[in-house]
């Protein structure tokens, strides 16, 4: 037996001496039970996977000349620039539009490589923004799996780094999600001891020790957190305005405002100490590099103070805005069984395949627009047009070529003699009968041989007796009595009857 075999035999004997009888290999369950809970670190690592995929696959993107779009370009830097631009947009507005974000990324690409054309910079910016918005997967949320040590199984995590949503004026803007903020904040370079000092609220020591870079990173982290609080408050208010029942004070907005107030109070105290430390350090600093870093830190603290003053304004205005939004709940609304378009239908619609969307594009677009019934040209519209006084918008020139023709006058359709004779015949007819109708009168006139012009005059005279408040036929009452059809007229049949007078 060689030395290795004897060593293995001795090791086996020692192991058998320590293992109780019948125990077998009982150490495996204990090892499984002692797994560390690393679910949150694993999830945070997955947040960076879209960035790594973009950097890994950047060689696949080429321009029309076959040159790589990202040759010599760090996509990680561009992604962080995009997130930083979106966060800056939330400080003055509710985010930046796609055009604004693309312009910021394109300017960064041009600064990184001055040899690139504007078209190449714009193409690189589009690819970066599409990667953040997961355009390759129909703009769905990123979905990855990681091992959950507590559940002893793999879990699926879905998240978005940015969101593209309309503001109160229905202008679509890009904003970072909480996961996007976490990615950006996780990239700030802080050592372990500096993070511990941050947790202990001893940021002034960093300035006193000359750790200006770490102090700048801490101030930038706190400023970014203020931006995130402002965005969260605005999102809750916007959601309350759009759907008042979706946001609750005790569950959503109230706790967020409490955390924002605590953040403002803590940061005001810490920034006050940091400003004092910066002033003392500026008075004692001798090297130009140290003074430059201190000036940068002072400007960052002042910018953070301005941002927090705006945050204080948002905190003060949030209760009134929430109450105004909640007042809309008490408005009487028409009952509807239709699902909500923005929260229910659109997410389901965007999960469909491109082929399905393309096949039903016309129907989908038509369904998204509100119905617009055509306007009816009714009698009220005619009266409103006739009564409208229109001003003369064009000034006629005095020097007009040609001749001025007078307006032509047309003779009356019925002569005065015909009107007089017809009215006399009608009065005689009505005086001889206690009650008659327009159909009977016109039929009697045709039977007595009255010509067509006289019967037309008679029909208009009968209609005038009903329409005018001052009827030419005194002592005669008129009322509707069905319909009639005649060779010269048709319409409502008029019933004439004598009115008794004292």
Protein backbone atom coordinates (compact mmCIF):
# COMPACT_ATOMS: atom_id res chain seq x y z
CA UNK A 1 0.00 0.00 0.00
CA UNK A 2 1.44 3.42 -0.97
CA UNK A 3 1.45 6.54 1.18
CA UNK A 4 -1.59 8.11 -0.48
CA UNK A 5 -3.69 4.95 0.09
CA UNK A 6 -2.70 4.84 3.75
CA UNK A 7 -3.57 8.53 4.16
CA UNK A 8 -6.99 7.98 2.63
CA UNK A 9 -7.56 4.95 4.86
CA UNK A 10 -6.60 6.92 7.98
CA UNK A 11 -8.84 9.79 6.98
CA UNK A 12 -11.70 7.36 6.42
CA UNK A 13 -11.18 5.78 9.85
CA UNK A 14 -11.16 9.17 11.55
CA UNK A 15 -14.33 10.13 9.79
CA UNK A 16 -16.03 6.88 10.77
CA UNK A 17 -15.00 7.44 14.38
CA UNK A 18 -16.67 10.91 14.42
CA UNK A 19 -19.86 9.82 12.60
CA UNK A 20 -22.53 8.24 14.86
CA UNK A 21 -23.88 4.84 13.95
CA UNK A 22 -26.76 4.99 11.49
CA UNK A 23 -26.18 8.66 10.79
CA UNK A 24 -24.86 8.21 7.27
CA UNK A 25 -24.29 11.59 5.60
CA UNK A 26 -26.45 13.75 7.81
CA UNK A 27 -24.46 16.96 7.34
CA UNK A 28 -26.12 17.93 4.02
CA UNK A 29 -29.42 19.17 5.48
CA UNK A 30 -27.53 21.30 8.00
CA UNK A 31 -25.55 22.83 5.17
CA UNK A 32 -28.72 23.59 3.26
CA UNK A 33 -30.35 25.08 6.33
CA UNK A 34 -27.40 27.44 6.81
CA UNK A 35 -27.72 29.14 3.41
CA UNK A 36 -27.32 32.88 3.63
CA UNK A 37 -30.24 35.03 2.54
CA UNK A 38 -28.75 36.92 -0.44
CA UNK A 39 -31.99 37.57 -2.31
CA UNK A 40 -31.68 41.36 -2.24
CA UNK A 41 -28.04 41.42 -3.44
CA UNK A 42 -28.95 38.96 -6.21
CA UNK A 43 -31.88 41.11 -7.23
CA UNK A 44 -29.73 44.23 -7.24
CA UNK A 45 -27.18 42.49 -9.42
CA UNK A 46 -29.91 41.67 -11.93
CA UNK A 47 -30.70 45.38 -12.21
CA UNK A 48 -27.34 45.83 -13.92
CA UNK A 49 -27.90 43.01 -16.41
CA UNK A 50 -29.44 45.27 -19.14
CA UNK A 51 -26.33 47.47 -18.93
CA UNK A 52 -24.02 44.47 -19.28
CA UNK A 53 -26.04 43.10 -22.20
CA UNK A 54 -25.78 46.41 -24.04
CA UNK A 55 -22.01 46.49 -23.52
CA UNK A 56 -21.68 42.83 -24.53
CA UNK A 57 -23.70 43.22 -27.74
CA UNK A 58 -22.54 46.69 -28.77
CA UNK A 59 -20.37 45.21 -31.53
CA UNK A 60 -23.48 44.09 -33.40
CA UNK A 61 -24.55 47.66 -34.11
CA UNK A 62 -22.98 49.09 -37.27
CA UNK A 63 -23.74 52.07 -39.49
CA UNK A 64 -24.19 52.21 -43.25
CA UNK A 65 -20.40 52.26 -43.76
CA UNK A 66 -19.87 49.12 -41.68
CA UNK A 67 -18.27 50.98 -38.79
CA UNK A 68 -19.30 50.00 -35.29
CA UNK A 69 -21.65 52.49 -33.70
CA UNK A 70 -19.98 52.08 -30.30
CA UNK A 71 -16.35 51.62 -31.38
CA UNK A 72 -14.30 53.16 -28.58
CA UNK A 73 -17.44 54.21 -26.70
CA UNK A 74 -18.28 53.05 -23.15
CA UNK A 75 -21.99 52.24 -23.11
CA UNK A 76 -22.03 52.07 -19.30
CA UNK A 77 -21.15 55.75 -19.20
CA UNK A 78 -23.89 56.59 -21.71
CA UNK A 79 -26.51 54.70 -19.71
CA UNK A 80 -25.60 56.57 -16.53
CA UNK A 81 -25.65 59.85 -18.46
CA UNK A 82 -29.17 59.02 -19.65
CA UNK A 83 -30.35 58.25 -16.10
CA UNK A 84 -28.69 61.41 -14.80
CA UNK A 85 -30.43 63.52 -17.49
CA UNK A 86 -33.82 62.03 -16.62
CA UNK A 87 -33.27 62.70 -12.92
CA UNK A 88 -32.26 66.28 -13.66
CA UNK A 89 -35.47 66.64 -15.68
CA UNK A 90 -37.58 65.72 -12.68
CA UNK A 91 -36.15 68.67 -10.72
CA UNK A 92 -37.61 71.35 -13.02
CA UNK A 93 -40.36 69.40 -14.80
CA UNK A 94 -41.96 65.99 -14.55
CA UNK A 95 -39.14 64.48 -16.57
CA UNK A 96 -37.55 65.00 -19.95
CA UNK A 97 -39.09 64.21 -23.31
CA UNK A 98 -37.54 61.56 -25.54
CA UNK A 99 -36.08 64.26 -27.79
CA UNK A 100 -34.39 65.95 -24.82
CA UNK A 101 -32.87 62.70 -23.53
CA UNK A 102 -31.68 61.68 -27.00
CA UNK A 103 -30.06 65.08 -27.51
CA UNK A 104 -28.21 64.76 -24.17
CA UNK A 105 -26.87 61.31 -25.04
CA UNK A 106 -25.90 62.39 -28.56
CA UNK A 107 -23.97 65.39 -27.19
CA UNK A 108 -22.13 63.06 -24.82
CA UNK A 109 -21.20 60.72 -27.67
CA UNK A 110 -19.92 63.67 -29.70
CA UNK A 111 -17.81 64.81 -26.73
CA UNK A 112 -16.39 61.30 -26.28
CA UNK A 113 -15.45 61.01 -29.98
CA UNK A 114 -15.24 64.25 -31.97
CA UNK A 115 -14.79 62.33 -35.27
CA UNK A 116 -18.37 61.05 -35.28
CA UNK A 117 -21.04 62.67 -37.42
CA UNK A 118 -24.31 63.95 -35.91
CA UNK A 119 -26.14 61.05 -37.56
CA UNK A 120 -23.84 58.50 -35.89
CA UNK A 121 -24.24 60.20 -32.50
CA UNK A 122 -28.02 60.22 -32.89
CA UNK A 123 -27.99 56.52 -33.82
CA UNK A 124 -25.93 55.65 -30.73
CA UNK A 125 -28.32 57.66 -28.54
CA UNK A 126 -31.34 55.79 -29.93
CA UNK A 127 -29.74 52.41 -29.19
CA UNK A 128 -28.92 53.40 -25.60
CA UNK A 129 -32.44 54.70 -24.92
CA UNK A 130 -34.00 51.63 -26.55
CA UNK A 131 -31.86 49.39 -24.33
CA UNK A 132 -33.07 51.22 -21.21
CA UNK A 133 -36.68 50.97 -22.38
CA UNK A 134 -36.32 47.29 -23.46
CA UNK A 135 -37.43 47.96 -27.03
CA UNK A 136 -36.08 44.59 -28.13
CA UNK A 137 -38.78 42.90 -26.04
CA UNK A 138 -41.69 45.15 -27.13
CA UNK A 139 -41.05 47.57 -24.27
CA UNK A 140 -41.99 44.98 -21.67
CA UNK A 141 -40.47 44.95 -18.22
CA UNK A 142 -37.11 43.20 -17.80
CA UNK A 143 -37.61 39.72 -16.36
CA UNK A 144 -34.83 37.55 -14.92
CA UNK A 145 -34.50 34.65 -12.48
CA UNK A 146 -32.38 34.38 -9.33
CA UNK A 147 -32.08 31.84 -6.53
CA UNK A 148 -34.14 32.55 -3.42
CA UNK A 149 -32.35 30.92 -0.50
CA UNK A 150 -35.34 31.32 1.82
CA UNK A 151 -37.73 29.50 -0.55
CA UNK A 152 -35.06 27.10 -1.93
CA UNK A 153 -36.18 27.82 -5.50
CA UNK A 154 -35.67 30.25 -8.34
CA UNK A 155 -37.70 33.45 -8.38
CA UNK A 156 -38.57 35.68 -11.32
CA UNK A 157 -37.91 39.39 -10.90
CA UNK A 158 -39.56 41.95 -13.21
CA UNK A 159 -38.52 45.59 -13.23
CA UNK A 160 -38.13 48.68 -15.40
CA UNK A 161 -35.25 51.10 -15.34
CA UNK A 162 -37.16 54.00 -16.90
CA UNK A 163 -40.80 54.86 -17.47
CA UNK A 164 -42.40 56.83 -20.30
CA UNK A 165 -45.64 58.31 -19.01
CA UNK A 166 -47.70 61.44 -19.68
CA UNK A 167 -47.69 64.36 -17.31
CA UNK A 168 -50.72 66.45 -16.36
CA UNK A 169 -50.62 68.09 -19.80
CA UNK A 170 -50.48 64.70 -21.56
CA UNK A 171 -46.87 65.26 -22.67
CA UNK A 172 -44.98 61.96 -22.52
CA UNK A 173 -41.75 62.21 -20.56
CA UNK A 174 -39.02 59.82 -19.41
CA UNK A 175 -38.44 59.35 -15.68
CA UNK A 176 -36.29 56.83 -13.80
CA UNK A 177 -38.09 54.14 -11.86
CA UNK A 178 -37.05 53.25 -8.28
CA UNK A 179 -34.90 50.51 -9.82
CA UNK A 180 -33.29 53.13 -12.10
CA UNK A 181 -32.49 55.28 -9.08
CA UNK A 182 -31.01 52.23 -7.37
CA UNK A 183 -28.76 51.51 -10.37
CA UNK A 184 -27.54 55.11 -10.46
CA UNK A 185 -26.95 55.35 -6.73
CA UNK A 186 -25.20 51.99 -6.67
CA UNK A 187 -22.63 53.27 -9.14
CA UNK A 188 -21.40 56.02 -6.80
CA UNK A 189 -17.97 55.16 -5.44
CA UNK A 190 -18.09 54.95 -1.64
CA UNK A 191 -15.73 52.90 0.48
CA UNK A 192 -16.87 50.89 3.49
CA UNK A 193 -15.55 53.29 6.09
CA UNK A 194 -17.04 56.26 4.23
CA UNK A 195 -20.44 54.57 4.10
CA UNK A 196 -20.22 53.94 7.84
CA UNK A 197 -19.50 57.60 8.44
CA UNK A 198 -22.45 58.47 6.26
CA UNK A 199 -24.72 56.27 8.32
CA UNK A 200 -23.40 57.96 11.49
CA UNK A 201 -24.05 61.45 10.05
CA UNK A 202 -20.38 62.46 10.22
CA UNK A 203 -20.01 63.83 6.70
CA UNK A 204 -18.07 66.85 7.93
CA UNK A 205 -15.19 64.55 8.87
CA UNK A 206 -14.68 63.69 5.21
CA UNK A 207 -14.04 67.33 4.39
CA UNK A 208 -11.79 67.77 7.41
CA UNK A 209 -9.80 64.67 6.38
CA UNK A 210 -9.50 65.92 2.81
CA UNK A 211 -11.74 63.18 1.38
CA UNK A 212 -13.41 65.58 -1.06
CA UNK A 213 -14.32 63.00 -3.68
CA UNK A 214 -16.17 60.84 -1.15
CA UNK A 215 -17.95 63.90 0.24
CA UNK A 216 -19.05 64.90 -3.27
CA UNK A 217 -20.38 61.39 -3.88
CA UNK A 218 -22.33 61.50 -0.61
CA UNK A 219 -23.80 64.92 -1.42
CA UNK A 220 -24.73 63.71 -4.91
CA UNK A 221 -26.39 60.63 -3.42
CA UNK A 222 -28.44 62.78 -1.03
CA UNK A 223 -29.40 65.16 -3.84
CA UNK A 224 -30.53 62.23 -5.97
CA UNK A 225 -32.63 60.97 -3.09
CA UNK A 226 -34.34 64.37 -2.91
CA UNK A 227 -35.13 64.11 -6.62
CA UNK A 228 -36.63 60.68 -6.08
CA UNK A 229 -38.87 62.00 -3.28
CA UNK A 230 -40.12 64.83 -5.51
CA UNK A 231 -40.85 62.41 -8.34
CA UNK A 232 -42.73 60.04 -6.03
CA UNK A 233 -44.91 62.82 -4.63
CA UNK A 234 -45.72 64.12 -8.10
CA UNK A 235 -46.55 60.65 -9.36
CA UNK A 236 -48.98 60.08 -6.48
CA UNK A 237 -50.67 63.44 -7.10
CA UNK A 238 -50.94 62.75 -10.84
CA UNK A 239 -52.37 59.31 -10.16
CA UNK A 240 -54.88 60.82 -7.72
CA UNK A 241 -55.98 63.34 -10.35
CA UNK A 242 -56.37 60.69 -13.06
CA UNK A 243 -57.95 58.01 -10.88
CA UNK A 244 -58.90 59.39 -7.41
CA UNK A 245 -59.60 55.96 -5.95
CA UNK A 246 -56.19 54.52 -6.84
CA UNK A 247 -54.19 56.58 -4.30
CA UNK A 248 -54.88 56.47 -0.56
CA UNK A 249 -53.55 58.94 1.95
CA UNK A 250 -52.82 56.46 4.75
CA UNK A 251 -51.25 53.90 2.46
CA UNK A 252 -49.46 55.91 -0.26
CA UNK A 253 -49.13 59.66 0.02
CA UNK A 254 -49.08 60.13 3.81
CA UNK A 255 -46.09 57.83 4.52
CA UNK A 256 -44.23 59.25 1.53
CA UNK A 257 -44.66 62.81 2.80
CA UNK A 258 -43.50 61.74 6.29
CA UNK A 259 -40.32 60.19 4.86
CA UNK A 260 -39.75 63.27 2.69
CA UNK A 261 -40.05 65.58 5.73
CA UNK A 262 -37.57 63.44 7.69
CA UNK A 263 -35.22 63.49 4.72
CA UNK A 264 -35.42 67.28 4.43
CA UNK A 265 -34.80 67.75 8.18
CA UNK A 266 -31.82 65.37 8.27
CA UNK A 267 -30.27 66.75 5.11
CA UNK A 268 -30.68 70.36 6.30
CA UNK A 269 -28.72 69.56 9.45
CA UNK A 270 -26.05 67.56 7.65
CA UNK A 271 -25.64 70.11 4.84
CA UNK A 272 -25.34 72.87 7.42
CA UNK A 273 -22.40 71.05 9.04
CA UNK A 274 -20.87 70.32 5.64
CA UNK A 275 -21.10 73.99 4.61
CA UNK A 276 -19.32 75.03 7.80
CA UNK A 277 -16.63 72.44 7.16
CA UNK A 278 -16.26 73.57 3.55
CA UNK A 279 -15.85 77.22 4.57
CA UNK A 280 -13.16 76.34 7.09
CA UNK A 281 -11.43 74.07 4.58
CA UNK A 282 -11.51 76.80 1.91
CA UNK A 283 -9.85 79.20 4.32
CA UNK A 284 -7.09 76.69 5.10
CA UNK A 285 -6.69 75.06 1.65
CA UNK A 286 -3.54 75.92 -0.25
CA UNK A 287 -3.42 73.60 -3.26
CA UNK A 288 -5.47 74.55 -6.37
CA UNK A 289 -6.86 71.01 -6.70
CA UNK A 290 -8.20 71.01 -3.13
CA UNK A 291 -9.81 74.42 -3.59
CA UNK A 292 -11.39 73.30 -6.88
CA UNK A 293 -12.92 70.22 -5.22
CA UNK A 294 -14.18 72.34 -2.33
CA UNK A 295 -15.85 74.78 -4.72
CA UNK A 296 -17.50 71.88 -6.54
CA UNK A 297 -18.74 70.51 -3.24
CA UNK A 298 -20.06 73.91 -2.18
CA UNK A 299 -21.94 74.35 -5.47
CA UNK A 300 -23.41 70.86 -5.13
CA UNK A 301 -24.59 71.60 -1.59
CA UNK A 302 -26.20 74.87 -2.74
CA UNK A 303 -27.92 73.07 -5.61
CA UNK A 304 -29.19 70.42 -3.19
CA UNK A 305 -30.53 73.15 -0.89
CA UNK A 306 -32.43 74.72 -3.80
CA UNK A 307 -33.82 71.34 -4.74
CA UNK A 308 -34.93 70.62 -1.19
CA UNK A 309 -36.66 73.99 -0.99
CA UNK A 310 -38.71 72.91 -3.97
CA UNK A 311 -39.33 69.60 -2.24
CA UNK A 312 -40.64 71.51 0.79
CA UNK A 313 -43.03 73.34 -1.53
CA UNK A 314 -44.24 70.03 -2.98
CA UNK A 315 -44.76 68.66 0.53
CA UNK A 316 -46.79 71.73 1.52
CA UNK A 317 -48.93 71.68 -1.64
CA UNK A 318 -49.51 67.92 -1.68
CA UNK A 319 -52.38 67.81 0.90
CA UNK A 320 -54.40 70.50 -0.92
CA UNK A 321 -53.78 68.87 -4.29
CA UNK A 322 -54.80 65.50 -2.90
CA UNK A 323 -58.02 66.91 -1.41
CA UNK A 324 -58.85 68.59 -4.73
CA UNK A 325 -58.33 65.32 -6.53
CA UNK A 326 -60.42 63.44 -3.99
CA UNK A 327 -63.29 65.89 -4.45
CA UNK A 328 -63.71 64.44 -7.93
CA UNK A 329 -64.85 61.17 -6.35
CA UNK A 330 -68.12 62.80 -5.27
CA UNK A 331 -69.06 63.93 -8.73
CA UNK A 332 -71.96 62.05 -10.26
CA UNK A 333 -70.61 59.79 -12.96
CA UNK A 334 -72.36 57.74 -15.53
CA UNK A 335 -72.32 54.04 -14.75
CA UNK A 336 -70.02 52.06 -17.02
CA UNK A 337 -68.86 48.47 -17.10
CA UNK A 338 -65.90 49.23 -19.37
CA UNK A 339 -62.39 48.59 -17.96
CA UNK A 340 -59.95 51.45 -17.43
CA UNK A 341 -58.02 52.18 -20.61
CA UNK A 342 -54.70 53.28 -19.10
CA UNK A 343 -54.31 50.78 -16.28
CA UNK A 344 -55.95 47.68 -17.79
CA UNK A 345 -56.29 47.68 -21.56
CA UNK A 346 -53.06 49.35 -22.67
CA UNK A 347 -50.67 47.06 -20.69
CA UNK A 348 -52.47 43.99 -22.08
CA UNK A 349 -52.41 45.47 -25.57
CA UNK A 350 -48.67 46.19 -25.44
CA UNK A 351 -47.93 42.58 -24.50
CA UNK A 352 -49.35 41.31 -27.81
CA UNK A 353 -47.08 40.29 -30.66
CA UNK A 354 -46.15 42.79 -33.34
CA UNK A 355 -47.99 40.80 -35.99
CA UNK A 356 -51.21 40.86 -34.02
CA UNK A 357 -50.91 44.60 -33.43
CA UNK A 358 -50.14 45.29 -37.09
CA UNK A 359 -53.13 43.24 -38.27
CA UNK A 360 -55.56 45.14 -36.05
CA UNK A 361 -53.84 48.54 -36.13
CA UNK A 362 -56.76 50.34 -37.77
CA UNK A 363 -59.32 48.96 -35.34
CA UNK A 364 -57.07 49.60 -32.33
CA UNK A 365 -56.35 53.21 -33.29
CA UNK A 366 -60.01 53.82 -34.00
CA UNK A 367 -60.98 52.42 -30.61
CA UNK A 368 -58.48 54.67 -28.78
CA UNK A 369 -60.00 57.89 -30.14
CA UNK A 370 -63.25 59.22 -28.65
CA UNK A 371 -66.35 59.07 -30.84
CA UNK A 372 -67.08 62.29 -32.73
CA UNK A 373 -70.73 62.35 -33.87
CA UNK A 374 -71.37 64.56 -36.93
CA UNK A 375 -73.07 67.88 -36.33
CA UNK A 376 -76.67 68.09 -37.49
CA UNK A 377 -77.76 71.11 -39.51
CA UNK A 378 -81.02 71.75 -37.65
CA UNK A 379 -83.37 74.68 -37.47
CA UNK A 380 -81.62 76.18 -34.43
CA UNK A 381 -78.36 76.24 -36.35
CA UNK A 382 -80.05 78.07 -39.22
CA UNK A 383 -81.47 80.70 -36.87
CA UNK A 384 -78.14 81.20 -35.12
CA UNK A 385 -76.40 81.69 -38.48
CA UNK A 386 -79.03 84.14 -39.68
CA UNK A 387 -78.90 86.18 -36.46
CA UNK A 388 -75.11 86.29 -36.38
CA UNK A 389 -73.73 89.71 -37.30
CA UNK A 390 -70.61 89.26 -39.37
CA UNK A 391 -68.03 92.00 -39.61
CA UNK A 392 -66.42 92.95 -42.84
CA UNK A 393 -62.88 91.60 -42.73
CA UNK A 394 -61.68 92.73 -46.16
CA UNK A 395 -61.41 96.35 -47.18
CA UNK A 396 -62.40 96.93 -50.77
CA UNK A 397 -60.03 99.01 -52.79
CA UNK A 398 -61.34 102.22 -54.32
CA UNK A 399 -59.64 101.55 -57.63
CA UNK A 400 -61.75 98.71 -59.02
CA UNK A 401 -61.74 97.95 -62.71
CA UNK A 402 -65.04 97.26 -64.42
CA UNK A 403 -68.58 98.57 -64.10
CA UNK A 404 -71.02 98.49 -61.23
CA UNK A 405 -74.27 96.77 -62.14
CA UNK A 406 -77.44 97.65 -60.14
CA UNK A 407 -79.33 94.89 -58.42
CA UNK A 408 -82.10 93.44 -60.52
CA UNK A 409 -85.63 93.76 -59.10
CA UNK A 410 -88.09 90.97 -59.60
CA UNK A 411 -91.85 91.30 -59.91
CA UNK A 412 -94.11 89.78 -57.25
CA UNK A 413 -95.28 86.24 -57.90
CA UNK A 414 -98.92 87.20 -57.39
CA UNK A 415 -100.53 90.42 -58.50
CA UNK A 416 -102.39 92.64 -56.04
CA UNK A 417 -105.64 91.99 -57.88
CA UNK A 418 -105.19 88.20 -57.61
CA UNK A 419 -104.41 88.48 -53.89
CA UNK A 420 -107.50 90.62 -53.30
CA UNK A 421 -109.81 88.31 -55.25
CA UNK A 422 -108.41 85.16 -53.56
CA UNK A 423 -108.75 86.66 -50.08
CA UNK A 424 -112.34 87.70 -50.80
CA UNK A 425 -113.19 84.22 -52.05
CA UNK A 426 -111.61 82.63 -48.94
CA UNK A 427 -113.50 84.96 -46.54
CA UNK A 428 -116.76 84.15 -48.28
CA UNK A 429 -116.00 80.43 -48.07
CA UNK A 430 -115.19 80.53 -44.36
CA UNK A 431 -118.25 82.67 -43.56
CA UNK A 432 -120.58 80.09 -45.13
CA UNK A 433 -119.18 77.14 -43.17
CA UNK A 434 -118.90 76.63 -39.43
CA UNK A 435 -115.82 74.37 -39.81
CA UNK A 436 -113.67 73.32 -42.73
CA UNK A 437 -110.06 72.33 -43.53
CA UNK A 438 -107.34 73.43 -45.89
CA UNK A 439 -107.69 70.19 -47.90
CA UNK A 440 -111.43 70.81 -48.36
CA UNK A 441 -110.89 74.46 -49.29
CA UNK A 442 -108.26 73.66 -51.92
CA UNK A 443 -110.41 70.85 -53.34
CA UNK A 444 -113.43 73.22 -53.58
CA UNK A 445 -111.28 75.83 -55.37
CA UNK A 446 -110.14 73.24 -57.91
CA UNK A 447 -113.76 72.06 -58.40
CA UNK A 448 -114.95 75.63 -59.07
CA UNK A 449 -112.34 76.02 -61.81
CA UNK A 450 -109.84 78.30 -59.99
CA UNK A 451 -106.56 78.44 -61.97
CA UNK A 452 -103.21 77.14 -60.69
CA UNK A 453 -101.79 80.55 -59.73
CA UNK A 454 -104.87 81.44 -57.69
CA UNK A 455 -104.82 78.09 -55.88
CA UNK A 456 -101.12 78.51 -55.02
CA UNK A 457 -101.92 81.97 -53.65
CA UNK A 458 -104.80 80.40 -51.71
CA UNK A 459 -102.50 77.70 -50.22
CA UNK A 460 -99.95 80.31 -49.06
CA UNK A 461 -102.75 82.40 -47.58
CA UNK A 462 -103.98 79.41 -45.58
CA UNK A 463 -100.47 78.69 -44.25
CA UNK A 464 -100.03 82.37 -43.39
CA UNK A 465 -103.22 82.26 -41.36
CA UNK A 466 -101.66 79.55 -39.15
CA UNK A 467 -98.07 80.83 -38.99
CA UNK A 468 -98.64 84.55 -38.31
CA UNK A 469 -99.82 85.78 -34.95
CA UNK A 470 -101.88 88.46 -36.69
CA UNK A 471 -103.95 86.48 -39.16
CA UNK A 472 -105.52 88.34 -42.14
CA UNK A 473 -108.60 86.21 -41.54
CA UNK A 474 -110.18 87.85 -38.50
CA UNK A 475 -112.65 85.87 -36.44
CA UNK A 476 -111.31 82.49 -37.59
CA UNK A 477 -109.56 79.94 -35.37
CA UNK A 478 -106.92 77.57 -36.79
CA UNK A 479 -105.61 74.25 -35.46
CA UNK A 480 -103.76 71.19 -36.81
CA UNK A 481 -105.77 68.24 -38.03
CA UNK A 482 -103.52 65.51 -39.53
CA UNK A 483 -101.92 65.54 -42.98
CA UNK A 484 -103.14 66.17 -46.52
CA UNK A 485 -101.86 65.73 -50.08
CA UNK A 486 -102.95 67.94 -52.99
CA UNK A 487 -101.75 68.59 -56.51
CA UNK A 488 -100.21 71.93 -55.49
CA UNK A 489 -99.33 71.39 -51.81
CA UNK A 490 -98.90 68.77 -49.11
CA UNK A 491 -98.29 68.82 -45.40
CA UNK A 492 -100.22 69.52 -42.20
CA UNK A 493 -103.96 69.81 -42.68
CA UNK A 494 -105.36 72.98 -41.06
CA UNK A 495 -108.82 73.02 -39.46
CA UNK A 496 -110.60 76.39 -39.63
CA UNK A 497 -113.58 77.24 -37.47
CA UNK A 498 -115.42 80.42 -36.65
CA UNK A 499 -114.83 82.14 -33.33
CA UNK A 500 -117.87 83.42 -31.54
CA UNK A 501 -117.68 87.17 -30.76
CA UNK A 502 -119.83 89.25 -28.49
